[in-house]
Amino acid sequence: MNKTNEIIRVYGRVQGVGFRYSAQQIATSMGICGYVANESDGSVYIEAEASSEQINQFIECCRKGPSRSIIQEVRHFPGQLMNYISFRVR
């Protein structure tokens, strides 16, 4: 499997609604490594490493978010492969 790294930024009501922990659960269940963190501008920052197909499925999950979130925008672009070994909340 060719791994790829994708930087994902999620905007909207995504802090204080369990978004990071939801993302961690989904990523772990999909075999995706990387991390998720809150940003000072109110967005969530994600680095995800897996196959392109897994990343695309994960991005679709990010577009939905947990039930209390309101997703306004999801931006993503290729990042540098970091060879993460798990998916963590930061």
Protein backbone atom coordinates (compact mmCIF):
# COMPACT_ATOMS: atom_id res chain seq x y z
CA MET A 1 0.00 0.00 0.00
CA ASN A 2 1.30 3.43 -0.92
CA LYS A 3 0.76 5.75 2.01
CA THR A 4 0.03 9.41 1.52
CA ASN A 5 -0.18 12.32 3.97
CA GLU A 6 -3.09 14.73 3.79
CA ILE A 7 -3.47 17.96 5.76
CA ILE A 8 -7.15 18.54 6.58
CA ARG A 9 -8.63 21.73 8.05
CA VAL A 10 -12.24 21.65 9.26
CA TYR A 11 -14.12 24.91 9.86
CA GLY A 12 -17.43 25.61 11.61
CA ARG A 13 -18.63 24.61 15.07
CA VAL A 14 -15.99 21.94 15.54
CA GLN A 15 -14.54 22.71 18.98
CA GLY A 16 -16.29 21.69 22.19
CA VAL A 17 -18.50 19.17 20.36
CA GLY A 18 -16.31 16.03 20.51
CA PHE A 19 -14.95 16.45 16.99
CA ARG A 20 -11.36 15.46 17.81
CA TYR A 21 -12.37 12.30 19.68
CA SER A 22 -14.85 11.35 16.97
CA ALA A 23 -12.12 11.84 14.35
CA GLN A 24 -9.74 9.69 16.40
CA GLN A 25 -12.26 6.86 16.68
CA ILE A 26 -13.03 6.93 12.95
CA ALA A 27 -9.37 7.19 11.92
CA THR A 28 -8.34 4.34 14.22
CA SER A 29 -11.16 2.11 12.95
CA MET A 30 -10.09 2.86 9.35
CA GLY A 31 -6.38 2.20 9.96
CA ILE A 32 -5.39 5.85 9.52
CA CYS A 33 -2.42 7.27 11.43
CA GLY A 34 -1.67 10.91 12.31
CA TYR A 35 -3.20 13.41 14.71
CA VAL A 36 -5.98 15.92 15.26
CA ALA A 37 -5.70 19.23 17.15
CA ASN A 38 -7.75 22.34 17.88
CA GLU A 39 -6.47 25.55 16.29
CA SER A 40 -6.64 29.03 17.86
CA ASP A 41 -8.92 30.26 15.04
CA GLY A 42 -11.63 27.77 16.09
CA SER A 43 -10.90 25.23 13.35
CA VAL A 44 -9.59 21.68 13.69
CA TYR A 45 -6.28 20.61 12.09
CA ILE A 46 -5.72 17.00 11.05
CA GLU A 47 -2.74 15.18 9.59
CA ALA A 48 -3.81 11.82 8.22
CA GLU A 49 -1.66 9.08 6.68
CA ALA A 50 -3.05 6.06 4.85
CA SER A 51 -3.93 5.02 1.31
CA SER A 52 -5.60 7.64 -0.90
CA GLU A 53 -8.85 5.65 -0.73
CA GLN A 54 -8.83 5.58 3.09
CA ILE A 55 -8.02 9.30 3.22
CA ASN A 56 -10.90 10.14 0.87
CA GLN A 57 -13.33 8.11 3.00
CA PHE A 58 -12.04 9.84 6.13
CA ILE A 59 -12.49 13.29 4.56
CA GLU A 60 -16.13 12.39 3.83
CA CYS A 61 -16.57 11.49 7.51
CA CYS A 62 -15.01 14.86 8.46
CA ARG A 63 -17.61 16.61 6.27
CA LYS A 64 -20.34 15.07 8.44
CA GLY A 65 -18.70 15.40 11.87
CA PRO A 66 -20.28 14.33 15.16
CA SER A 67 -23.93 15.18 15.81
CA ARG A 68 -23.33 18.45 17.71
CA SER A 69 -20.91 19.87 15.15
CA ILE A 70 -21.77 22.21 12.29
CA ILE A 71 -19.32 21.77 9.43
CA GLN A 72 -19.01 24.87 7.25
CA GLU A 73 -15.94 23.96 5.22
CA VAL A 74 -13.33 21.21 4.84
CA ARG A 75 -10.07 22.06 3.08
CA HIS A 76 -7.39 19.49 2.36
CA PHE A 77 -4.10 19.29 0.55
CA PRO A 78 -1.11 16.92 0.36
CA GLY A 79 1.39 17.02 3.20
CA GLN A 80 4.79 15.48 3.86
CA LEU A 81 4.83 11.80 4.85
CA MET A 82 5.75 11.59 8.55
CA ASN A 83 5.27 7.82 9.11
CA TYR A 84 2.98 8.16 12.12
CA ILE A 85 2.31 4.88 13.93
CA SER A 86 -1.06 5.74 15.54
CA PHE A 87 -3.75 8.45 15.49
CA ARG A 88 -3.64 10.82 18.47
CA VAL A 89 -5.61 13.73 19.85
CA ARG A 90 -3.34 16.70 20.61
